[in-house]
Structures are given as structure tokens and as C-alpha cells.
Amino acid sequence: MSEAERAIWLARHGETEWSRDGRHTGLTEIPLTDLGRRQAVALGTRLARHQFALVLTSPRSRATETARLAGFGDIAIADPDLAEWDYGALEGRRTAEIAADFPGWTIWTGPWPGGETIDQVSVRADRVLARCLADDVKGDALLFGHGHMLRVLAARWLGLPGESGSLFGLSTATVSELGWERERRIIETWNVAG
């Protein structure tokens, strides 16, 4: 099966208190809210119409719970490369709070004290893409992950630098599809609610 016959579907986890409140959530284990659990079930309804050869999830509980509630818990494989950005000392803080310490700060430009750089996150995204397109994967892949990581992954899919993920908004509990137009990588759909 050629690469151009395989799509990669992205499912962002359901709502958590921190995602709702705009707090950077990297390594901290924050559970889904009641709404987030309902969103995950709705994702499952949408995703059930499609067959996947590979299902990966971030090891963070908000992603694995979303995968489970969506009906993929038995087949989803945790992949540490799908984990959200390690925000280091910025974990749990809102952008406006961080910008008070670092004027003009964005997650895409840094700095990231004690955390990962955009280049490190991009390297992880490239490994995930390679895993999805490996010769032994005989169909589409489904990835359960996080806002910033999935945005970097989409940028890298298009051959753009990781910081170009800033161009793609991504809400909780949405589905996106990375696909092809002939032999060219494209975004088929983006940020579609379950």
C-alpha cells in the first residue's frame, strides 16, 4: 500500500478543567470533565464509521480516556511521542500570565524554561508520522492526542516547520484528517466536532 493511499486521523482529547480554562497542560494528569466524557463518546460515534489499521494514543490519561470512551481502548497503543509538549516551568499557566514574565511570549516562539523546544516536539511528531506510514501499516491511522502536539504534527505533515502549527486552531474533542491530493500531502478536514 502506498503512502498516498493512507490517511492519518487526529482526535483531540475531550475537555478538561485546564483546557477549558486555557492552562498549558503538558505532563500533568488532568481528568476529563463530564462534558469531556460526553464529547469522547460523541467522537466514538463519528469514528465508528471508519476502519483503522493503527490506533495510537498519547500516554496522558485525558487522551487514553478519550480513546477508551470513543470505543478504541482495546486496540489503542500508547506512544510516548504523542504526549503533549512538555511545558516545563510554564505548566499550568495561562498565556497572559507567562507573557507578563516574557513579553511577547507564545508557545510557538518560547522560551520554554525547563521544557521542550519546538524543534524537540517536531522531532517527536516526525517519528509519529513515520510510524503511521511504515510499510507494515496497511491502512489509515487514528491518533488520540493534544492540541499543541497535533498542531505541530499537522504542520510537519505538510512539510512546514513545527512553529507553523500556530496557523491551525484545534478545539477539544474534534477530528481532523491528514490526507493526499494525488501525491501531495494536504489537510482533508480540520477541527470538526464529533
N, C-alpha and C. Protein backbone atom coordinates (compact mmCIF):
# COMPACT_ATOMS: atom_id res chain seq x y z
N MET A 1 0.85 -1.18 0.00
CA MET A 1 0.00 0.00 0.00
C MET A 1 0.89 1.24 0.00
N SER A 2 0.65 2.15 -0.94
CA SER A 2 1.48 3.35 -1.00
C SER A 2 1.08 4.33 0.09
N GLU A 3 1.99 5.25 0.39
CA GLU A 3 1.69 6.27 1.39
C GLU A 3 0.44 7.05 1.02
N ALA A 4 0.27 7.36 -0.26
CA ALA A 4 -0.83 8.20 -0.70
C ALA A 4 -2.19 7.51 -0.61
N GLU A 5 -2.21 6.25 -0.23
CA GLU A 5 -3.48 5.55 -0.03
C GLU A 5 -3.88 5.53 1.45
N ARG A 6 -3.07 6.12 2.30
CA ARG A 6 -3.32 6.09 3.75
C ARG A 6 -3.51 7.50 4.30
N ALA A 7 -4.53 7.65 5.11
CA ALA A 7 -4.78 8.92 5.79
C ALA A 7 -4.43 8.77 7.27
N ILE A 8 -4.21 9.91 7.90
CA ILE A 8 -3.96 9.94 9.34
C ILE A 8 -5.04 10.83 9.96
N TRP A 9 -5.83 10.24 10.82
CA TRP A 9 -6.91 10.95 11.50
C TRP A 9 -6.41 11.38 12.87
N LEU A 10 -6.75 12.60 13.25
CA LEU A 10 -6.33 13.17 14.53
C LEU A 10 -7.57 13.41 15.39
N ALA A 11 -7.55 12.94 16.63
CA ALA A 11 -8.66 13.18 17.56
C ALA A 11 -8.08 13.84 18.81
N ARG A 12 -8.48 15.08 19.03
CA ARG A 12 -8.03 15.75 20.26
C ARG A 12 -8.90 15.28 21.42
N HIS A 13 -8.27 15.12 22.57
CA HIS A 13 -8.98 14.65 23.76
C HIS A 13 -10.13 15.57 24.14
N GLY A 14 -11.06 15.05 24.94
CA GLY A 14 -12.18 15.84 25.43
C GLY A 14 -11.74 16.90 26.42
N GLU A 15 -12.69 17.74 26.77
CA GLU A 15 -12.42 18.87 27.66
C GLU A 15 -11.94 18.42 29.04
N THR A 16 -10.96 19.17 29.58
CA THR A 16 -10.53 19.07 30.97
C THR A 16 -10.72 20.45 31.59
N GLU A 17 -10.63 20.53 32.90
CA GLU A 17 -10.73 21.85 33.54
C GLU A 17 -9.64 22.78 33.01
N TRP A 18 -8.43 22.27 32.86
CA TRP A 18 -7.34 23.14 32.41
C TRP A 18 -7.49 23.54 30.95
N SER A 19 -7.94 22.63 30.09
CA SER A 19 -8.12 23.03 28.68
C SER A 19 -9.24 24.07 28.59
N ARG A 20 -10.29 23.90 29.36
CA ARG A 20 -11.39 24.87 29.39
C ARG A 20 -10.91 26.23 29.87
N ASP A 21 -9.99 26.24 30.85
CA ASP A 21 -9.52 27.49 31.46
C ASP A 21 -8.29 28.08 30.78
N GLY A 22 -7.80 27.45 29.70
CA GLY A 22 -6.66 27.98 28.97
C GLY A 22 -5.32 27.79 29.65
N ARG A 23 -5.21 26.77 30.51
CA ARG A 23 -3.94 26.48 31.19
C ARG A 23 -3.13 25.48 30.36
N HIS A 24 -1.85 25.74 30.23
CA HIS A 24 -0.97 24.83 29.49
C HIS A 24 -0.85 23.52 30.26
N THR A 25 -1.29 22.44 29.63
CA THR A 25 -1.32 21.13 30.27
C THR A 25 -0.43 20.18 29.48
N GLY A 26 0.76 19.96 29.96
CA GLY A 26 1.67 19.03 29.30
C GLY A 26 1.67 17.70 30.01
N LEU A 27 2.48 17.59 31.05
CA LEU A 27 2.67 16.32 31.75
C LEU A 27 1.67 16.08 32.87
N THR A 28 1.00 17.12 33.35
CA THR A 28 0.08 16.97 34.47
C THR A 28 -1.12 16.13 34.05
N GLU A 29 -1.47 15.17 34.90
CA GLU A 29 -2.62 14.31 34.62
C GLU A 29 -3.89 15.00 35.12
N ILE A 30 -4.68 15.50 34.21
CA ILE A 30 -5.93 16.19 34.50
C ILE A 30 -7.06 15.36 33.88
N PRO A 31 -8.06 14.97 34.66
CA PRO A 31 -9.14 14.14 34.11
C PRO A 31 -10.08 14.93 33.21
N LEU A 32 -10.81 14.20 32.40
CA LEU A 32 -11.84 14.82 31.58
C LEU A 32 -12.96 15.32 32.49
N THR A 33 -13.58 16.42 32.09
CA THR A 33 -14.77 16.89 32.78
C THR A 33 -15.95 16.02 32.34
N ASP A 34 -17.11 16.22 32.94
CA ASP A 34 -18.31 15.50 32.49
C ASP A 34 -18.57 15.79 31.02
N LEU A 35 -18.42 17.06 30.63
CA LEU A 35 -18.58 17.42 29.22
C LEU A 35 -17.54 16.70 28.37
N GLY A 36 -16.31 16.64 28.84
CA GLY A 36 -15.25 15.97 28.10
C GLY A 36 -15.54 14.49 27.87
N ARG A 37 -16.14 13.84 28.86
CA ARG A 37 -16.51 12.43 28.70
C ARG A 37 -17.63 12.28 27.66
N ARG A 38 -18.60 13.17 27.69
CA ARG A 38 -19.67 13.13 26.68
C ARG A 38 -19.10 13.40 25.28
N GLN A 39 -18.16 14.33 25.20
CA GLN A 39 -17.52 14.63 23.92
C GLN A 39 -16.79 13.39 23.37
N ALA A 40 -16.12 12.67 24.25
CA ALA A 40 -15.37 11.47 23.83
C ALA A 40 -16.31 10.41 23.27
N VAL A 41 -17.45 10.22 23.91
CA VAL A 41 -18.45 9.27 23.40
C VAL A 41 -18.94 9.71 22.03
N ALA A 42 -19.19 11.00 21.86
CA ALA A 42 -19.62 11.53 20.56
C ALA A 42 -18.56 11.32 19.48
N LEU A 43 -17.30 11.48 19.87
CA LEU A 43 -16.21 11.20 18.91
C LEU A 43 -16.29 9.76 18.42
N GLY A 44 -16.57 8.85 19.36
CA GLY A 44 -16.67 7.44 19.01
C GLY A 44 -17.74 7.18 17.97
N THR A 45 -18.86 7.87 18.09
CA THR A 45 -19.94 7.71 17.11
C THR A 45 -19.46 8.11 15.72
N ARG A 46 -18.73 9.21 15.64
CA ARG A 46 -18.22 9.67 14.34
C ARG A 46 -17.14 8.74 13.80
N LEU A 47 -16.24 8.29 14.66
CA LEU A 47 -15.11 7.48 14.22
C LEU A 47 -15.49 6.04 13.92
N ALA A 48 -16.60 5.56 14.47
CA ALA A 48 -17.01 4.17 14.28
C ALA A 48 -17.32 3.84 12.83
N ARG A 49 -17.56 4.85 12.02
CA ARG A 49 -17.87 4.64 10.60
C ARG A 49 -16.64 4.31 9.76
N HIS A 50 -15.48 4.34 10.38
CA HIS A 50 -14.23 4.17 9.63
C HIS A 50 -13.41 3.05 10.25
N GLN A 51 -12.67 2.34 9.42
CA GLN A 51 -11.80 1.27 9.90
C GLN A 51 -10.36 1.78 9.91
N PHE A 52 -9.64 1.48 10.99
CA PHE A 52 -8.26 1.94 11.15
C PHE A 52 -7.31 0.76 11.30
N ALA A 53 -6.17 0.84 10.62
CA ALA A 53 -5.16 -0.20 10.71
C ALA A 53 -4.26 0.00 11.93
N LEU A 54 -4.19 1.24 12.42
CA LEU A 54 -3.33 1.57 13.56
C LEU A 54 -4.03 2.64 14.38
N VAL A 55 -4.09 2.42 15.69
CA VAL A 55 -4.65 3.42 16.60
C VAL A 55 -3.63 3.67 17.68
N LEU A 56 -3.18 4.93 17.77
CA LEU A 56 -2.19 5.33 18.78
C LEU A 56 -2.81 6.37 19.70
N THR A 57 -2.34 6.41 20.93
CA THR A 57 -2.78 7.43 21.86
C THR A 57 -1.60 7.96 22.65
N SER A 58 -1.69 9.20 23.02
CA SER A 58 -0.74 9.75 23.97
C SER A 58 -0.87 8.95 25.26
N PRO A 59 0.20 8.83 26.03
CA PRO A 59 0.09 8.12 27.31
C PRO A 59 -0.63 8.91 28.40
N ARG A 60 -0.91 10.21 28.18
CA ARG A 60 -1.61 11.01 29.19
C ARG A 60 -3.04 10.52 29.35
N SER A 61 -3.53 10.48 30.58
CA SER A 61 -4.84 9.89 30.89
C SER A 61 -5.99 10.57 30.14
N ARG A 62 -5.91 11.87 29.89
CA ARG A 62 -7.01 12.54 29.19
C ARG A 62 -7.15 12.04 27.76
N ALA A 63 -6.04 11.63 27.14
CA ALA A 63 -6.09 11.07 25.79
C ALA A 63 -6.50 9.59 25.83
N THR A 64 -5.94 8.83 26.76
CA THR A 64 -6.30 7.40 26.82
C THR A 64 -7.76 7.23 27.22
N GLU A 65 -8.27 8.09 28.10
CA GLU A 65 -9.69 8.00 28.47
C GLU A 65 -10.58 8.37 27.29
N THR A 66 -10.18 9.37 26.53
CA THR A 66 -10.93 9.73 25.33
C THR A 66 -10.95 8.55 24.36
N ALA A 67 -9.82 7.91 24.15
CA ALA A 67 -9.77 6.74 23.25
C ALA A 67 -10.68 5.64 23.77
N ARG A 68 -10.66 5.39 25.07
CA ARG A 68 -11.49 4.33 25.65
C ARG A 68 -12.97 4.64 25.48
N LEU A 69 -13.37 5.86 25.84
CA LEU A 69 -14.78 6.24 25.73
C LEU A 69 -15.27 6.29 24.28
N ALA A 70 -14.35 6.53 23.37
CA ALA A 70 -14.68 6.55 21.94
C ALA A 70 -14.76 5.14 21.36
N GLY A 71 -14.42 4.12 22.17
CA GLY A 71 -14.53 2.75 21.72
C GLY A 71 -13.25 2.13 21.19
N PHE A 72 -12.11 2.78 21.42
CA PHE A 72 -10.85 2.28 20.88
C PHE A 72 -9.86 1.84 21.97
N GLY A 73 -10.34 1.76 23.20
CA GLY A 73 -9.45 1.43 24.32
C GLY A 73 -8.76 0.09 24.20
N ASP A 74 -9.41 -0.89 23.59
CA ASP A 74 -8.82 -2.23 23.48
C ASP A 74 -7.73 -2.32 22.43
N ILE A 75 -7.73 -1.40 21.48
CA ILE A 75 -6.74 -1.50 20.40
C ILE A 75 -5.75 -0.34 20.36
N ALA A 76 -6.02 0.71 21.13
CA ALA A 76 -5.11 1.88 21.12
C ALA A 76 -3.79 1.53 21.80
N ILE A 77 -2.72 1.93 21.18
CA ILE A 77 -1.37 1.70 21.68
C ILE A 77 -0.81 3.04 22.15
N ALA A 78 -0.36 3.08 23.39
CA ALA A 78 0.23 4.32 23.92
C ALA A 78 1.58 4.56 23.26
N ASP A 79 1.77 5.77 22.76
CA ASP A 79 3.01 6.16 22.11
C ASP A 79 3.53 7.42 22.80
N PRO A 80 4.65 7.33 23.52
CA PRO A 80 5.17 8.50 24.22
C PRO A 80 5.47 9.68 23.30
N ASP A 81 5.70 9.42 22.02
CA ASP A 81 5.95 10.52 21.09
C ASP A 81 4.70 11.38 20.85
N LEU A 82 3.52 10.87 21.20
CA LEU A 82 2.27 11.63 21.03
C LEU A 82 1.93 12.48 22.26
N ALA A 83 2.72 12.38 23.31
CA ALA A 83 2.46 13.17 24.51
C ALA A 83 2.47 14.65 24.17
N GLU A 84 1.74 15.42 24.96
CA GLU A 84 1.70 16.86 24.75
C GLU A 84 3.07 17.46 25.03
N TRP A 85 3.30 18.64 24.53
CA TRP A 85 4.50 19.44 24.75
C TRP A 85 4.82 19.45 26.24
N ASP A 86 6.05 19.26 26.58
CA ASP A 86 6.50 19.40 27.97
C ASP A 86 6.76 20.89 28.18
N TYR A 87 5.87 21.56 28.93
CA TYR A 87 5.96 23.00 29.11
C TYR A 87 6.93 23.40 30.22
N GLY A 88 7.51 22.44 30.91
CA GLY A 88 8.49 22.76 31.95
C GLY A 88 7.89 23.66 33.01
N ALA A 89 8.58 24.76 33.32
CA ALA A 89 8.16 25.68 34.37
C ALA A 89 6.87 26.43 34.02
N LEU A 90 6.42 26.31 32.80
CA LEU A 90 5.21 27.02 32.37
C LEU A 90 3.95 26.16 32.54
N GLU A 91 4.12 24.94 33.00
CA GLU A 91 3.00 24.01 33.19
C GLU A 91 1.92 24.64 34.07
N GLY A 92 0.69 24.56 33.63
CA GLY A 92 -0.45 25.03 34.40
C GLY A 92 -0.72 26.52 34.31
N ARG A 93 0.13 27.24 33.60
CA ARG A 93 -0.04 28.69 33.50
C ARG A 93 -0.77 29.06 32.21
N ARG A 94 -1.45 30.20 32.25
CA ARG A 94 -2.13 30.75 31.08
C ARG A 94 -1.15 31.61 30.28
N THR A 95 -1.43 31.78 29.00
CA THR A 95 -0.55 32.55 28.13
C THR A 95 -0.34 33.97 28.66
N ALA A 96 -1.39 34.64 29.10
CA ALA A 96 -1.26 36.02 29.59
C ALA A 96 -0.34 36.09 30.82
N GLU A 97 -0.41 35.09 31.68
CA GLU A 97 0.46 35.05 32.86
C GLU A 97 1.92 34.88 32.45
N ILE A 98 2.14 34.01 31.47
CA ILE A 98 3.51 33.76 31.00
C ILE A 98 4.06 35.01 30.31
N ALA A 99 3.23 35.67 29.51
CA ALA A 99 3.66 36.88 28.79
C ALA A 99 4.02 38.01 29.74
N ALA A 100 3.49 38.00 30.97
CA ALA A 100 3.88 39.01 31.96
C ALA A 100 5.34 38.84 32.34
N ASP A 101 5.83 37.61 32.34
CA ASP A 101 7.24 37.33 32.64
C ASP A 101 8.12 37.40 31.39
N PHE A 102 7.54 37.04 30.24
CA PHE A 102 8.27 37.01 28.97
C PHE A 102 7.45 37.78 27.93
N PRO A 103 7.61 39.11 27.87
CA PRO A 103 6.80 39.92 26.94
C PRO A 103 6.87 39.38 25.50
N GLY A 104 5.70 39.30 24.88
CA GLY A 104 5.61 38.81 23.51
C GLY A 104 5.62 37.29 23.40
N TRP A 105 5.60 36.60 24.53
CA TRP A 105 5.72 35.15 24.53
C TRP A 105 4.55 34.47 23.83
N THR A 106 4.87 33.43 23.06
CA THR A 106 3.88 32.47 22.57
C THR A 106 4.50 31.09 22.73
N ILE A 107 3.66 30.07 22.75
CA ILE A 107 4.19 28.70 22.83
C ILE A 107 5.06 28.39 21.62
N TRP A 108 4.79 29.05 20.51
CA TRP A 108 5.48 28.74 19.25
C TRP A 108 6.86 29.37 19.17
N THR A 109 7.11 30.43 19.95
CA THR A 109 8.39 31.13 19.87
C THR A 109 9.23 31.02 21.14
N GLY A 110 8.59 30.62 22.26
CA GLY A 110 9.32 30.43 23.50
C GLY A 110 9.63 31.73 24.20
N PRO A 111 10.48 31.64 25.22
CA PRO A 111 11.26 30.48 25.66
C PRO A 111 10.41 29.46 26.41
N TRP A 112 11.01 28.28 26.65
CA TRP A 112 10.35 27.18 27.34
C TRP A 112 11.23 26.72 28.51
N PRO A 113 11.34 27.51 29.57
CA PRO A 113 12.26 27.17 30.66
C PRO A 113 11.96 25.81 31.27
N GLY A 114 12.94 24.93 31.18
CA GLY A 114 12.81 23.59 31.74
C GLY A 114 11.94 22.66 30.93
N GLY A 115 11.48 23.10 29.75
CA GLY A 115 10.59 22.28 28.92
C GLY A 115 11.22 21.97 27.57
N GLU A 116 10.39 21.48 26.67
CA GLU A 116 10.85 21.12 25.32
C GLU A 116 10.85 22.33 24.40
N THR A 117 11.75 22.33 23.46
CA THR A 117 11.76 23.35 22.40
C THR A 117 10.83 22.90 21.28
N ILE A 118 10.48 23.81 20.40
CA ILE A 118 9.66 23.47 19.25
C ILE A 118 10.36 22.43 18.38
N ASP A 119 11.68 22.49 18.29
CA ASP A 119 12.41 21.51 17.49
C ASP A 119 12.31 20.12 18.09
N GLN A 120 12.34 20.00 19.40
CA GLN A 120 12.20 18.70 20.05
C GLN A 120 10.81 18.11 19.83
N VAL A 121 9.79 18.95 19.92
CA VAL A 121 8.42 18.49 19.67
C VAL A 121 8.27 18.07 18.21
N SER A 122 8.88 18.81 17.30
CA SER A 122 8.81 18.49 15.88
C SER A 122 9.45 17.13 15.57
N VAL A 123 10.55 16.83 16.23
CA VAL A 123 11.21 15.53 16.04
C VAL A 123 10.28 14.40 16.46
N ARG A 124 9.57 14.59 17.59
CA ARG A 124 8.62 13.56 18.03
C ARG A 124 7.48 13.42 17.02
N ALA A 125 6.99 14.54 16.50
CA ALA A 125 5.91 14.50 15.51
C ALA A 125 6.36 13.74 14.26
N ASP A 126 7.58 13.97 13.82
CA ASP A 126 8.10 13.27 12.64
C ASP A 126 8.16 11.77 12.88
N ARG A 127 8.52 11.35 14.09
CA ARG A 127 8.56 9.91 14.39
C ARG A 127 7.16 9.31 14.35
N VAL A 128 6.16 10.04 14.85
CA VAL A 128 4.78 9.54 14.80
C VAL A 128 4.34 9.38 13.35
N LEU A 129 4.61 10.38 12.52
CA LEU A 129 4.22 10.30 11.11
C LEU A 129 4.89 9.11 10.44
N ALA A 130 6.16 8.90 10.71
CA ALA A 130 6.88 7.76 10.11
C ALA A 130 6.26 6.44 10.55
N ARG A 131 5.86 6.36 11.82
CA ARG A 131 5.24 5.13 12.32
C ARG A 131 3.91 4.87 11.60
N CYS A 132 3.14 5.92 11.36
CA CYS A 132 1.85 5.76 10.68
C CYS A 132 2.01 5.35 9.22
N LEU A 133 3.11 5.73 8.60
CA LEU A 133 3.34 5.44 7.18
C LEU A 133 4.29 4.26 6.95
N ALA A 134 4.62 3.55 8.02
CA ALA A 134 5.51 2.39 7.89
C ALA A 134 4.88 1.33 7.00
N ASP A 135 5.71 0.55 6.36
CA ASP A 135 5.24 -0.46 5.41
C ASP A 135 4.29 -1.47 6.04
N ASP A 136 4.43 -1.74 7.34
CA ASP A 136 3.58 -2.75 7.97
C ASP A 136 2.20 -2.22 8.36
N VAL A 137 1.95 -0.93 8.18
CA VAL A 137 0.62 -0.36 8.46
C VAL A 137 -0.16 -0.38 7.14
N LYS A 138 -1.18 -1.20 7.09
CA LYS A 138 -1.91 -1.45 5.83
C LYS A 138 -3.25 -0.72 5.78
N GLY A 139 -3.24 0.55 6.19
CA GLY A 139 -4.46 1.34 6.14
C GLY A 139 -4.30 2.63 6.91
N ASP A 140 -5.42 3.26 7.21
CA ASP A 140 -5.40 4.56 7.88
C ASP A 140 -5.03 4.42 9.36
N ALA A 141 -4.50 5.51 9.90
CA ALA A 141 -4.13 5.57 11.32
C ALA A 141 -5.02 6.58 12.02
N LEU A 142 -5.25 6.35 13.31
CA LEU A 142 -6.02 7.24 14.16
C LEU A 142 -5.17 7.58 15.37
N LEU A 143 -5.02 8.88 15.65
CA LEU A 143 -4.17 9.33 16.75
C LEU A 143 -5.01 10.12 17.75
N PHE A 144 -5.00 9.71 19.02
CA PHE A 144 -5.64 10.46 20.10
C PHE A 144 -4.57 11.27 20.80
N GLY A 145 -4.71 12.58 20.78
CA GLY A 145 -3.65 13.41 21.33
C GLY A 145 -4.14 14.74 21.86
N HIS A 146 -3.24 15.72 21.78
CA HIS A 146 -3.39 17.02 22.44
C HIS A 146 -3.28 18.17 21.45
N GLY A 147 -3.81 19.32 21.85
CA GLY A 147 -3.88 20.47 20.97
C GLY A 147 -2.58 20.89 20.32
N HIS A 148 -1.58 21.22 21.12
CA HIS A 148 -0.34 21.72 20.53
C HIS A 148 0.41 20.63 19.76
N MET A 149 0.48 19.44 20.32
CA MET A 149 1.21 18.37 19.63
C MET A 149 0.57 18.04 18.28
N LEU A 150 -0.76 17.95 18.25
CA LEU A 150 -1.42 17.62 16.99
C LEU A 150 -1.27 18.75 15.96
N ARG A 151 -1.20 19.97 16.43
CA ARG A 151 -0.99 21.10 15.51
C ARG A 151 0.43 21.06 14.92
N VAL A 152 1.41 20.71 15.74
CA VAL A 152 2.78 20.54 15.23
C VAL A 152 2.80 19.39 14.23
N LEU A 153 2.12 18.31 14.55
CA LEU A 153 2.08 17.15 13.67
C LEU A 153 1.49 17.52 12.31
N ALA A 154 0.43 18.32 12.30
CA ALA A 154 -0.17 18.75 11.04
C ALA A 154 0.80 19.60 10.23
N ALA A 155 1.51 20.49 10.90
CA ALA A 155 2.49 21.32 10.20
C ALA A 155 3.58 20.45 9.58
N ARG A 156 4.08 19.49 10.34
CA ARG A 156 5.13 18.62 9.82
C ARG A 156 4.61 17.75 8.68
N TRP A 157 3.35 17.33 8.75
CA TRP A 157 2.74 16.56 7.66
C TRP A 157 2.83 17.34 6.35
N LEU A 158 2.61 18.64 6.44
CA LEU A 158 2.64 19.49 5.24
C LEU A 158 4.05 19.91 4.85
N GLY A 159 5.06 19.47 5.61
CA GLY A 159 6.43 19.84 5.31
C GLY A 159 6.81 21.22 5.82
N LEU A 160 6.00 21.76 6.72
CA LEU A 160 6.25 23.08 7.30
C LEU A 160 7.02 22.94 8.60
N PRO A 161 7.71 23.99 9.04
CA PRO A 161 8.35 23.93 10.35
C PRO A 161 7.30 23.79 11.45
N GLY A 162 7.67 23.19 12.56
CA GLY A 162 6.73 22.95 13.65
C GLY A 162 5.99 24.17 14.13
N GLU A 163 6.67 25.32 14.14
CA GLU A 163 6.00 26.54 14.63
C GLU A 163 4.84 26.97 13.73
N SER A 164 4.74 26.41 12.53
CA SER A 164 3.59 26.70 11.67
C SER A 164 2.31 26.08 12.22
N GLY A 165 2.42 25.24 13.23
CA GLY A 165 1.24 24.74 13.92
C GLY A 165 0.41 25.87 14.50
N SER A 166 1.03 27.03 14.67
CA SER A 166 0.30 28.20 15.17
C SER A 166 -0.82 28.63 14.23
N LEU A 167 -0.79 28.18 12.99
CA LEU A 167 -1.78 28.56 12.00
C LEU A 167 -3.06 27.74 12.08
N PHE A 168 -3.05 26.68 12.89
CA PHE A 168 -4.18 25.76 12.95
C PHE A 168 -4.81 25.77 14.33
N GLY A 169 -6.00 26.34 14.46
CA GLY A 169 -6.72 26.25 15.72
C GLY A 169 -7.27 24.84 15.88
N LEU A 170 -7.34 24.35 17.12
CA LEU A 170 -7.82 22.99 17.34
C LEU A 170 -8.56 22.91 18.67
N SER A 171 -9.84 22.70 18.60
CA SER A 171 -10.69 22.61 19.78
C SER A 171 -10.65 21.21 20.38
N THR A 172 -11.10 21.10 21.62
CA THR A 172 -11.18 19.78 22.25
C THR A 172 -12.23 18.93 21.54
N ALA A 173 -12.00 17.63 21.58
CA ALA A 173 -12.94 16.62 21.06
C ALA A 173 -13.30 16.87 19.60
N THR A 174 -12.30 17.16 18.80
CA THR A 174 -12.51 17.35 17.36
C THR A 174 -11.72 16.31 16.58
N VAL A 175 -12.13 16.12 15.34
CA VAL A 175 -11.47 15.19 14.43
C VAL A 175 -10.94 15.97 13.24
N SER A 176 -9.73 15.62 12.84
CA SER A 176 -9.11 16.20 11.65
C SER A 176 -8.54 15.06 10.83
N GLU A 177 -8.39 15.27 9.55
CA GLU A 177 -7.84 14.22 8.68
C GLU A 177 -6.74 14.78 7.80
N LEU A 178 -5.59 14.14 7.90
CA LEU A 178 -4.44 14.45 7.05
C LEU A 178 -4.47 13.46 5.89
N GLY A 179 -4.50 13.97 4.68
CA GLY A 179 -4.63 13.08 3.54
C GLY A 179 -3.77 13.51 2.37
N TRP A 180 -4.28 13.21 1.19
CA TRP A 180 -3.50 13.39 -0.02
C TRP A 180 -4.36 13.95 -1.15
N GLU A 181 -3.74 14.74 -2.00
CA GLU A 181 -4.29 15.08 -3.30
C GLU A 181 -3.24 14.62 -4.30
N ARG A 182 -3.57 13.51 -4.95
CA ARG A 182 -2.60 12.79 -5.76
C ARG A 182 -1.42 12.40 -4.87
N GLU A 183 -0.24 12.89 -5.13
CA GLU A 183 0.92 12.54 -4.29
C GLU A 183 1.31 13.66 -3.33
N ARG A 184 0.49 14.67 -3.22
CA ARG A 184 0.78 15.83 -2.36
C ARG A 184 0.03 15.73 -1.04
N ARG A 185 0.72 15.94 0.06
CA ARG A 185 0.09 15.90 1.38
C ARG A 185 -0.78 17.14 1.58
N ILE A 186 -1.99 16.91 2.06
CA ILE A 186 -2.93 18.01 2.31
C ILE A 186 -3.67 17.76 3.63
N ILE A 187 -4.41 18.75 4.05
CA ILE A 187 -5.35 18.58 5.16
C ILE A 187 -6.72 18.39 4.53
N GLU A 188 -7.29 17.20 4.72
CA GLU A 188 -8.61 16.88 4.16
C GLU A 188 -9.71 17.60 4.93
N THR A 189 -9.69 17.46 6.26
CA THR A 189 -10.65 18.13 7.13
C THR A 189 -9.90 18.60 8.37
N TRP A 190 -10.44 19.62 9.02
CA TRP A 190 -9.75 20.16 10.20
C TRP A 190 -10.75 20.63 11.24
N ASN A 191 -10.52 20.22 12.49
CA ASN A 191 -11.22 20.76 13.65
C ASN A 191 -12.74 20.56 13.58
N VAL A 192 -13.14 19.36 13.19
CA VAL A 192 -14.57 19.03 13.07
C VAL A 192 -15.06 18.42 14.38
N ALA A 193 -16.08 19.01 14.95
CA ALA A 193 -16.63 18.49 16.20
C ALA A 193 -17.24 17.11 15.98
N GLY A 194 -17.05 16.22 17.01
CA GLY A 194 -17.55 14.86 16.94
C GLY A 194 -19.02 14.80 16.72
